[in-house]
Amino acid sequence: MNVCVYTLGCRLNQCESEAIADSFAQEGFTIVEEQNTADLYVVNTCTVTSKAEQKARRMIRKFAAQAPTLATGCYAQVNEKELTELSDNVIVVPLEKKAHLLKLAKHLKAGIVGGMDIKAGCLSFSDGKASVFDYDAASFSYHSRAYLKVQDGCDNSCAYCRVHIARGKAVSLQADQVTERALALEQAGFQEIMLTGVNLTMYDHQGDGLGGLLEKLLAKLSDSVRIRLSSMEPDHIDDRLLDVLTDKRMQPHFHIPVQTGSDRLLKKVDRHYTVSELSAILDRLRRVKNDPFLAADIITGLPSERDEDFAETRRFIIDQQFSFLHVFPFSPRPDTPLYKARDRVAESVRDERALELRNLSEQLHHAYRLRQVGGGAEVILQNRKGGHWYGLSGNYLDVKVLSSPAFAREGMLIKGTFGQVLGREKRMEFIPDAATL
């Protein structure tokens, strides 16, 4: 029986999807990509933008026309009725029951032997209590790196966001459990672990924080395992966290949800920092790592965004020389303070600004790649195609490996040097060290 787990949105969703896929794989089901035919589909949705919701509806309709489709995730949490009405083949699984999906495979496997219909099996399944930290994958079907969920929820309430409505208050996985799971991933052969959460820097923010967790984790892991962090909200990036990032196993790749470079707008949307405070954090990140990959989320067309606000944002981006921008035109979210804002920016202006920043992002990304030519790096191998391995560097650059050892495998870490920039492919050449070969 084939199962497809299709994911929209953040790395936390990807982490949870991998755990769901792993639970099916452990019971003998075959995990397939979206282009393959499946007997059951699981769609892990996102509600950050209306486009994400639109894509979720489109994919759910497509999958439900072929087989029973389970819709879960943040969008499913806040708009259950909307998704249920898409098709009789759609079963909505709210977030409080999402972790139940980890036990669904065992239930279906037993039922199918007795002739149970798949949809009926999904509808009849219930597994009592479940925790948001039950997602603990041993294998990963859609990624070559390991994902480890350590945090969920958010105590902030930014005026444009409803993820905190869907996910609830911030909660953290105990540090000893994080360490235990990370050591199990190392034992399984993974050489990179991505730590994920809804608001990762809010991990145990009333205790030792994310910095304290990393200290404990790095003390237990070997030198052969590297750690990557998912998106980091700036208001909880403290000295302890910055200090631990100097460890060579912490990867020089940081994704910061900036949103705007205007102090006026930051205050309006209830972000808990100023542009000067953010600049200080970015300066520290550059000091702990040599020319790290710094990505930023930017929203264009926030209500009341004036030409001068946008100019401030653009100037801030250029001054900071971000390596890449994730640009989102403002999308009014139901149940948020800005949903019915009367001072909205015209959509044409909002979209023009988004296009301008995306073009700027292309320039900045190209400039960053050019600076890496001739520099040393570690690359994790991800897939092989046309006689070449392709991978991801520690500073988050896609690479084409020019030659690789005969014993190369997916997930393997190799050292080498960046070659030229491959513009059309938007990646770089990578030349492994002779010792590796």
Protein backbone atom coordinates (compact mmCIF):
# COMPACT_ATOMS: atom_id res chain seq x y z
CA MET A 1 0.00 0.00 0.00
CA ASN A 2 1.36 3.39 -1.03
CA VAL A 3 1.15 6.46 1.23
CA CYS A 4 2.02 10.03 0.24
CA VAL A 5 2.67 12.70 2.89
CA TYR A 6 2.52 16.14 1.26
CA THR A 7 3.78 19.13 3.24
CA LEU A 8 3.21 22.87 3.04
CA GLY A 9 4.82 25.51 5.24
CA CYS A 10 7.55 25.55 7.83
CA ARG A 11 10.32 23.16 8.80
CA LEU A 12 8.31 22.12 11.84
CA ASN A 13 5.60 20.85 9.51
CA GLN A 14 8.30 19.02 7.54
CA CYS A 15 9.58 17.47 10.75
CA GLU A 16 6.12 16.27 11.80
CA SER A 17 5.41 14.96 8.29
CA GLU A 18 8.62 12.94 8.32
CA ALA A 19 7.59 11.35 11.62
CA ILE A 20 4.17 10.45 10.17
CA ALA A 21 5.80 9.00 7.06
CA ASP A 22 8.26 7.05 9.23
CA SER A 23 5.38 5.54 11.23
CA PHE A 24 3.90 4.16 8.00
CA ALA A 25 7.27 2.97 6.71
CA GLN A 26 7.88 1.09 9.98
CA GLU A 27 4.68 -0.88 9.36
CA GLY A 28 5.69 -1.87 5.82
CA PHE A 29 3.83 0.78 3.83
CA THR A 30 5.59 2.32 0.81
CA ILE A 31 6.16 6.08 1.04
CA VAL A 32 5.82 7.82 -2.33
CA GLU A 33 6.20 11.31 -3.78
CA GLU A 34 3.23 13.44 -4.80
CA GLN A 35 3.58 12.55 -8.50
CA ASN A 36 3.05 8.87 -7.72
CA THR A 37 -0.27 7.16 -7.16
CA ALA A 38 -1.10 6.52 -3.51
CA ASP A 39 -3.79 4.62 -1.61
CA LEU A 40 -3.80 7.24 1.14
CA TYR A 41 -2.71 10.88 1.18
CA VAL A 42 -1.80 13.02 4.17
CA VAL A 43 -1.68 16.78 3.56
CA ASN A 44 0.07 18.81 6.26
CA THR A 45 -1.25 22.35 5.77
CA CYS A 46 -0.10 25.90 6.54
CA THR A 47 -2.11 29.03 7.33
CA VAL A 48 0.61 31.71 7.17
CA THR A 49 -0.73 33.18 3.90
CA SER A 50 -3.87 32.90 1.79
CA LYS A 51 -1.69 31.47 -1.01
CA ALA A 52 -0.58 28.63 1.25
CA GLU A 53 -4.23 27.88 2.01
CA GLN A 54 -5.16 28.10 -1.66
CA LYS A 55 -2.44 25.61 -2.57
CA ALA A 56 -3.57 23.30 0.22
CA ARG A 57 -7.13 23.30 -1.13
CA ARG A 58 -5.89 22.62 -4.65
CA MET A 59 -3.74 19.68 -3.60
CA ILE A 60 -6.41 18.23 -1.30
CA ARG A 61 -8.97 18.31 -4.13
CA LYS A 62 -6.47 16.63 -6.46
CA PHE A 63 -5.55 13.89 -3.99
CA ALA A 64 -9.12 13.32 -2.76
CA ALA A 65 -10.20 12.61 -6.32
CA GLN A 66 -7.86 9.60 -6.21
CA ALA A 67 -7.95 8.25 -2.65
CA PRO A 68 -8.88 9.05 0.97
CA THR A 69 -7.06 12.22 2.04
CA LEU A 70 -6.25 13.28 5.58
CA ALA A 71 -5.92 17.06 6.00
CA THR A 72 -4.07 18.24 9.08
CA GLY A 73 -1.83 21.13 10.17
CA CYS A 74 -2.53 24.77 11.04
CA TYR A 75 -5.00 25.48 8.22
CA ALA A 76 -6.96 22.35 9.09
CA GLN A 77 -7.05 23.53 12.71
CA VAL A 78 -8.59 26.93 12.00
CA ASN A 79 -10.78 26.05 8.96
CA GLU A 80 -12.00 22.48 9.44
CA LYS A 81 -15.39 23.08 7.78
CA GLU A 82 -13.83 24.65 4.69
CA LEU A 83 -11.63 21.63 4.05
CA THR A 84 -14.28 19.05 4.90
CA GLU A 85 -16.53 20.51 2.21
CA LEU A 86 -13.92 20.01 -0.52
CA SER A 87 -14.75 16.32 -0.98
CA ASP A 88 -16.40 13.35 0.71
CA ASN A 89 -12.97 11.74 0.60
CA VAL A 90 -11.44 14.38 2.89
CA ILE A 91 -10.98 13.67 6.60
CA VAL A 92 -9.82 16.64 8.68
CA VAL A 93 -7.48 15.91 11.58
CA PRO A 94 -7.14 18.94 13.93
CA LEU A 95 -3.84 19.69 15.62
CA GLU A 96 -4.88 18.20 18.97
CA LYS A 97 -5.30 14.85 17.16
CA LYS A 98 -2.47 15.20 14.65
CA ALA A 99 -0.05 13.11 16.71
CA HIS A 100 -2.65 10.29 16.64
CA LEU A 101 -1.62 9.80 13.00
CA LEU A 102 1.61 8.28 14.29
CA LYS A 103 -0.38 5.21 15.38
CA LEU A 104 -2.73 5.10 12.38
CA ALA A 105 -0.46 2.86 10.29
CA LYS A 106 -0.56 0.02 12.83
CA HIS A 107 -4.37 0.31 13.00
CA LEU A 108 -4.77 0.28 9.21
CA LYS A 109 -2.33 -2.59 8.74
CA ALA A 110 -4.34 -4.79 11.09
CA GLY A 111 -7.65 -3.72 9.59
CA ILE A 112 -6.69 -4.16 5.94
CA VAL A 113 -5.81 -7.80 6.62
CA GLY A 114 -9.41 -8.25 7.75
CA GLY A 115 -10.78 -6.48 4.67
CA MET A 116 -11.34 -3.06 6.26
CA ASP A 117 -11.82 -0.11 3.92
CA ILE A 118 -9.02 2.49 4.23
CA LYS A 119 -11.35 5.45 4.65
CA ALA A 120 -13.45 3.59 7.20
CA GLY A 121 -10.27 2.70 9.06
CA CYS A 122 -9.21 6.35 9.18
CA LEU A 123 -12.63 7.48 10.41
CA SER A 124 -12.82 4.82 13.10
CA PHE A 125 -9.35 5.33 14.49
CA SER A 126 -8.75 6.98 17.87
CA ASP A 127 -5.69 6.63 20.06
CA GLY A 128 -6.59 8.51 23.23
CA LYS A 129 -4.09 11.08 24.45
CA ALA A 130 -1.20 12.29 22.32
CA SER A 131 1.62 14.77 22.85
CA VAL A 132 2.95 17.43 20.47
CA PHE A 133 6.36 15.86 21.11
CA ASP A 134 5.43 12.34 20.01
CA TYR A 135 7.01 13.09 16.61
CA ASP A 136 10.27 11.15 16.84
CA ALA A 137 11.23 9.82 13.42
CA ALA A 138 13.92 7.15 13.09
CA SER A 139 14.08 7.48 9.29
CA PHE A 140 13.37 10.30 6.84
CA SER A 141 11.64 9.67 3.53
CA TYR A 142 11.76 13.17 2.06
CA HIS A 143 15.04 14.57 3.48
CA SER A 144 18.66 13.43 3.80
CA ARG A 145 19.05 15.31 7.10
CA ALA A 146 17.42 14.50 10.41
CA TYR A 147 14.75 16.78 11.88
CA LEU A 148 14.23 17.04 15.63
CA LYS A 149 11.26 18.91 17.10
CA VAL A 150 12.14 20.59 20.40
CA GLN A 151 9.50 23.34 20.72
CA ASP A 152 5.91 24.12 19.77
CA GLY A 153 3.55 27.08 20.11
CA CYS A 154 4.25 30.79 20.55
CA ASP A 155 3.58 33.30 23.33
CA ASN A 156 3.84 36.27 20.97
CA SER A 157 0.79 37.60 19.17
CA CYS A 158 2.05 39.53 16.16
CA ALA A 159 -0.79 41.49 14.60
CA TYR A 160 -0.56 39.75 11.19
CA CYS A 161 -0.10 36.14 12.35
CA ARG A 162 -2.53 33.44 13.41
CA VAL A 163 -0.10 30.57 13.84
CA HIS A 164 -0.14 31.18 17.61
CA ILE A 165 -3.94 30.81 17.44
CA ALA A 166 -3.60 27.43 15.76
CA ARG A 167 -0.62 26.12 17.74
CA GLY A 168 -1.29 27.61 21.19
CA LYS A 169 1.16 28.65 23.91
CA ALA A 170 4.88 27.90 23.79
CA VAL A 171 5.94 24.49 25.12
CA SER A 172 9.38 22.82 25.14
CA LEU A 173 10.65 19.25 25.08
CA GLN A 174 12.77 18.45 28.13
CA ALA A 175 16.50 18.83 27.45
CA ASP A 176 17.30 15.24 28.47
CA GLN A 177 14.72 13.95 25.97
CA VAL A 178 16.16 16.18 23.26
CA THR A 179 19.62 14.78 23.96
CA GLU A 180 18.36 11.19 24.01
CA ARG A 181 16.66 11.62 20.63
CA ALA A 182 19.67 13.39 19.12
CA LEU A 183 22.00 10.60 20.25
CA ALA A 184 19.66 8.04 18.68
CA LEU A 185 19.82 9.95 15.38
CA GLU A 186 23.62 10.02 15.59
CA GLN A 187 23.64 6.27 16.27
CA ALA A 188 21.44 5.80 13.18
CA GLY A 189 24.13 7.47 11.07
CA PHE A 190 22.80 10.99 10.59
CA GLN A 191 25.52 13.62 10.38
CA GLU A 192 23.28 16.67 10.49
CA ILE A 193 20.33 17.40 12.78
CA MET A 194 17.93 20.30 12.23
CA LEU A 195 16.29 21.58 15.42
CA THR A 196 12.76 22.85 14.78
CA GLY A 197 9.91 24.61 16.55
CA VAL A 198 7.17 27.16 15.96
CA ASN A 199 9.28 29.77 17.77
CA LEU A 200 12.62 28.05 18.33
CA THR A 201 14.24 30.83 20.36
CA MET A 202 11.31 30.64 22.77
CA TYR A 203 12.58 27.21 23.83
CA ASP A 204 12.48 27.18 27.66
CA HIS A 205 12.71 30.98 27.54
CA GLN A 206 11.94 31.25 31.24
CA GLY A 207 14.78 28.83 32.07
CA ASP A 208 18.13 28.10 30.42
CA GLY A 209 16.77 28.91 26.96
CA LEU A 210 17.90 27.59 23.60
CA GLY A 211 21.52 28.38 24.46
CA GLY A 212 21.34 26.15 27.53
CA LEU A 213 19.83 23.32 25.48
CA LEU A 214 22.59 23.56 22.87
CA GLU A 215 25.28 23.49 25.56
CA LYS A 216 23.89 20.19 26.88
CA LEU A 217 23.38 18.76 23.41
CA LEU A 218 26.85 19.60 22.12
CA ALA A 219 28.41 18.13 25.26
CA LYS A 220 26.93 14.73 24.35
CA LEU A 221 27.17 14.62 20.55
CA SER A 222 30.39 13.64 18.75
CA ASP A 223 32.40 15.99 16.55
CA SER A 224 31.03 14.26 13.43
CA VAL A 225 27.47 15.56 13.88
CA ARG A 226 26.57 19.10 12.95
CA ILE A 227 23.57 21.08 14.19
CA ARG A 228 21.43 23.45 12.14
CA LEU A 229 18.76 25.74 13.57
CA SER A 230 15.47 26.53 11.89
CA SER A 231 14.03 30.05 11.88
CA MET A 232 15.05 32.14 14.93
CA GLU A 233 12.83 34.96 16.16
CA PRO A 234 15.19 37.81 17.15
CA ASP A 235 13.55 38.84 20.44
CA HIS A 236 14.96 35.80 22.31
CA ILE A 237 18.44 35.63 20.75
CA ASP A 238 20.52 36.26 23.88
CA ASP A 239 24.21 36.25 24.84
CA ARG A 240 24.15 32.60 25.97
CA LEU A 241 22.78 31.49 22.60
CA LEU A 242 25.21 33.66 20.66
CA ASP A 243 28.15 32.30 22.66
CA VAL A 244 27.30 28.65 21.99
CA LEU A 245 26.95 29.33 18.25
CA THR A 246 30.77 29.63 18.10
CA ASP A 247 31.01 25.83 18.31
CA LYS A 248 32.22 24.51 14.96
CA ARG A 249 29.34 22.02 14.83
CA MET A 250 26.79 24.84 14.78
CA GLN A 251 26.22 25.63 11.13
CA PRO A 252 26.78 29.17 9.73
CA HIS A 253 23.20 29.52 8.50
CA PHE A 254 20.67 31.71 10.29
CA HIS A 255 17.12 32.50 9.21
CA ILE A 256 15.66 35.59 10.90
CA PRO A 257 12.01 36.71 10.54
CA VAL A 258 12.73 40.44 10.16
CA GLN A 259 9.38 41.36 8.53
CA THR A 260 10.17 45.09 8.12
CA GLY A 261 13.03 47.53 8.56
CA SER A 262 10.73 50.29 9.79
CA ASP A 263 10.58 50.92 13.55
CA ARG A 264 7.14 52.45 13.14
CA LEU A 265 5.77 49.31 11.51
CA LEU A 266 7.54 46.96 13.92
CA LYS A 267 5.72 48.66 16.76
CA LYS A 268 2.41 48.67 14.88
CA VAL A 269 2.49 44.91 14.29
CA ASP A 270 3.67 44.15 17.84
CA ARG A 271 7.18 42.90 17.10
CA HIS A 272 9.34 42.94 20.21
CA TYR A 273 12.52 44.61 18.93
CA THR A 274 13.77 47.72 17.13
CA VAL A 275 15.85 47.99 13.98
CA SER A 276 18.93 48.99 16.00
CA GLU A 277 18.50 45.97 18.30
CA LEU A 278 18.15 43.71 15.27
CA SER A 279 21.29 45.22 13.71
CA ALA A 280 23.24 44.46 16.90
CA ILE A 281 22.10 40.81 16.79
CA LEU A 282 23.08 40.46 13.14
CA ASP A 283 26.49 41.97 13.88
CA ARG A 284 27.01 39.40 16.67
CA LEU A 285 25.99 36.56 14.34
CA ARG A 286 28.66 37.71 11.89
CA ARG A 287 31.24 37.73 14.65
CA VAL A 288 30.47 34.19 15.83
CA LYS A 289 30.62 32.82 12.26
CA ASN A 290 32.71 34.02 9.32
CA ASP A 291 30.36 35.40 6.65
CA PRO A 292 27.35 33.23 7.60
CA PHE A 293 24.35 32.70 5.35
CA LEU A 294 21.82 35.19 6.74
CA ALA A 295 18.29 34.81 5.39
CA ALA A 296 15.37 37.05 6.30
CA ASP A 297 11.58 36.96 6.07
CA ILE A 298 10.15 40.25 4.80
CA ILE A 299 6.48 41.26 4.49
CA THR A 300 5.62 43.94 1.94
CA GLY A 301 2.45 46.02 2.09
CA LEU A 302 1.79 45.79 5.82
CA PRO A 303 -1.16 48.09 6.61
CA SER A 304 -0.10 51.76 6.58
CA GLU A 305 3.31 50.96 5.00
CA ARG A 306 4.38 54.23 3.40
CA ASP A 307 6.99 54.82 0.70
CA GLU A 308 9.45 55.91 3.38
CA ASP A 309 8.80 52.72 5.42
CA PHE A 310 9.56 50.59 2.38
CA ALA A 311 12.65 52.67 1.63
CA GLU A 312 13.85 52.08 5.21
CA THR A 313 13.31 48.34 4.80
CA ARG A 314 15.16 48.26 1.49
CA ARG A 315 18.04 50.28 2.89
CA PHE A 316 18.26 48.00 5.94
CA ILE A 317 18.40 44.91 3.72
CA ILE A 318 21.20 46.37 1.61
CA ASP A 319 23.14 47.61 4.65
CA GLN A 320 22.93 44.15 6.23
CA GLN A 321 23.77 42.33 2.98
CA PHE A 322 21.39 39.45 3.65
CA SER A 323 22.21 36.30 1.71
CA PHE A 324 18.60 35.59 0.76
CA LEU A 325 15.11 37.01 1.30
CA HIS A 326 11.82 35.18 1.73
CA VAL A 327 9.40 37.87 0.59
CA PHE A 328 5.70 37.68 1.45
CA PRO A 329 3.11 40.18 0.23
CA PHE A 330 0.89 40.99 3.22
CA SER A 331 -1.96 38.49 3.49
CA PRO A 332 -4.77 39.46 5.90
CA ARG A 333 -5.41 36.54 8.25
CA PRO A 334 -8.81 35.99 9.88
CA ASP A 335 -8.94 36.48 13.67
CA THR A 336 -5.86 38.75 13.69
CA PRO A 337 -5.84 42.49 14.58
CA LEU A 338 -4.84 43.48 11.02
CA TYR A 339 -7.50 41.40 9.28
CA LYS A 340 -9.91 44.32 8.95
CA ALA A 341 -7.31 47.10 8.86
CA ARG A 342 -8.64 50.11 6.96
CA ASP A 343 -5.24 51.50 6.03
CA ARG A 344 -4.25 48.67 3.70
CA VAL A 345 -1.74 49.27 0.95
CA ALA A 346 -3.06 48.84 -2.58
CA GLU A 347 -2.39 45.29 -3.78
CA SER A 348 -0.61 46.57 -6.89
CA VAL A 349 1.81 48.58 -4.73
CA ARG A 350 2.25 45.68 -2.29
CA ASP A 351 3.09 43.31 -5.16
CA GLU A 352 5.43 45.78 -6.88
CA ARG A 353 7.38 46.12 -3.65
CA ALA A 354 7.52 42.34 -3.27
CA LEU A 355 8.86 41.96 -6.82
CA GLU A 356 11.50 44.64 -6.19
CA LEU A 357 12.72 42.84 -3.06
CA ARG A 358 12.74 39.45 -4.79
CA ASN A 359 14.95 40.92 -7.51
CA LEU A 360 17.17 42.39 -4.80
CA SER A 361 17.31 38.96 -3.15
CA GLU A 362 18.60 37.43 -6.40
CA GLN A 363 21.40 40.00 -6.50
CA LEU A 364 22.34 39.49 -2.86
CA HIS A 365 22.27 35.71 -3.16
CA HIS A 366 24.51 35.81 -6.22
CA ALA A 367 26.94 38.16 -4.48
CA TYR A 368 27.07 35.84 -1.47
CA ARG A 369 27.85 32.83 -3.64
CA LEU A 370 30.61 34.72 -5.45
CA ARG A 371 32.25 35.49 -2.10
CA GLN A 372 32.45 31.77 -1.34
CA VAL A 373 34.46 30.80 -4.46
CA GLY A 374 37.71 29.15 -3.38
CA GLY A 375 36.63 28.82 0.24
CA GLY A 376 36.50 25.59 2.19
CA ALA A 377 33.25 23.97 3.30
CA GLU A 378 31.53 20.79 4.41
CA VAL A 379 28.73 19.40 2.26
CA ILE A 380 26.09 16.84 3.09
CA LEU A 381 25.18 14.65 0.10
CA GLN A 382 21.48 14.71 -0.75
CA ASN A 383 20.85 12.99 -4.08
CA ARG A 384 22.59 11.60 -7.15
CA LYS A 385 21.51 12.51 -10.68
CA GLY A 386 23.17 12.24 -14.08
CA GLY A 387 26.40 10.86 -12.65
CA HIS A 388 26.86 13.65 -10.09
CA TRP A 389 26.05 13.98 -6.42
CA TYR A 390 24.25 17.12 -5.28
CA GLY A 391 24.35 18.43 -1.76
CA LEU A 392 23.99 21.26 0.74
CA SER A 393 26.86 23.13 2.34
CA GLY A 394 27.03 24.16 5.98
CA ASN A 395 26.28 27.73 4.92
CA TYR A 396 23.17 26.58 3.05
CA LEU A 397 24.37 26.64 -0.56
CA ASP A 398 23.23 24.05 -3.10
CA VAL A 399 26.24 22.42 -4.73
CA LYS A 400 27.11 20.08 -7.57
CA VAL A 401 29.89 17.73 -6.49
CA LEU A 402 32.40 17.42 -9.33
CA SER A 403 33.78 14.09 -8.13
CA SER A 404 32.88 11.93 -5.18
CA PRO A 405 34.16 8.79 -3.48
CA ALA A 406 32.88 5.44 -4.68
CA PHE A 407 31.50 4.80 -1.20
CA ALA A 408 29.43 8.03 -1.23
CA ARG A 409 25.92 7.73 0.20
CA GLU A 410 22.99 9.99 0.90
CA GLY A 411 23.49 11.90 4.13
CA MET A 412 27.27 11.55 4.05
CA LEU A 413 29.37 14.58 5.03
CA ILE A 414 32.39 15.47 2.86
CA LYS A 415 34.94 18.31 3.01
CA GLY A 416 36.18 20.33 0.07
CA THR A 417 36.34 23.68 -1.70
CA PHE A 418 33.76 25.79 -3.51
CA GLY A 419 34.35 26.06 -7.27
CA GLN A 420 32.65 28.44 -9.65
CA VAL A 421 29.06 29.65 -9.43
CA LEU A 422 26.70 27.78 -11.72
CA GLY A 423 24.31 30.62 -12.50
CA ARG A 424 21.69 28.73 -14.49
CA GLU A 425 21.43 26.00 -11.89
CA LYS A 426 21.57 28.53 -8.99
CA ARG A 427 24.17 26.39 -7.26
CA MET A 428 27.94 26.11 -6.95
CA GLU A 429 30.54 23.60 -7.96
CA PHE A 430 32.09 21.71 -5.08
CA ILE A 431 35.52 20.04 -5.27
CA PRO A 432 36.05 17.39 -2.56
CA ASP A 433 39.41 17.22 -0.79
CA ALA A 434 41.80 14.63 -2.21
CA ALA A 435 41.80 12.85 1.16
CA THR A 436 38.06 12.33 0.81
CA LEU A 437 38.45 10.65 -2.56
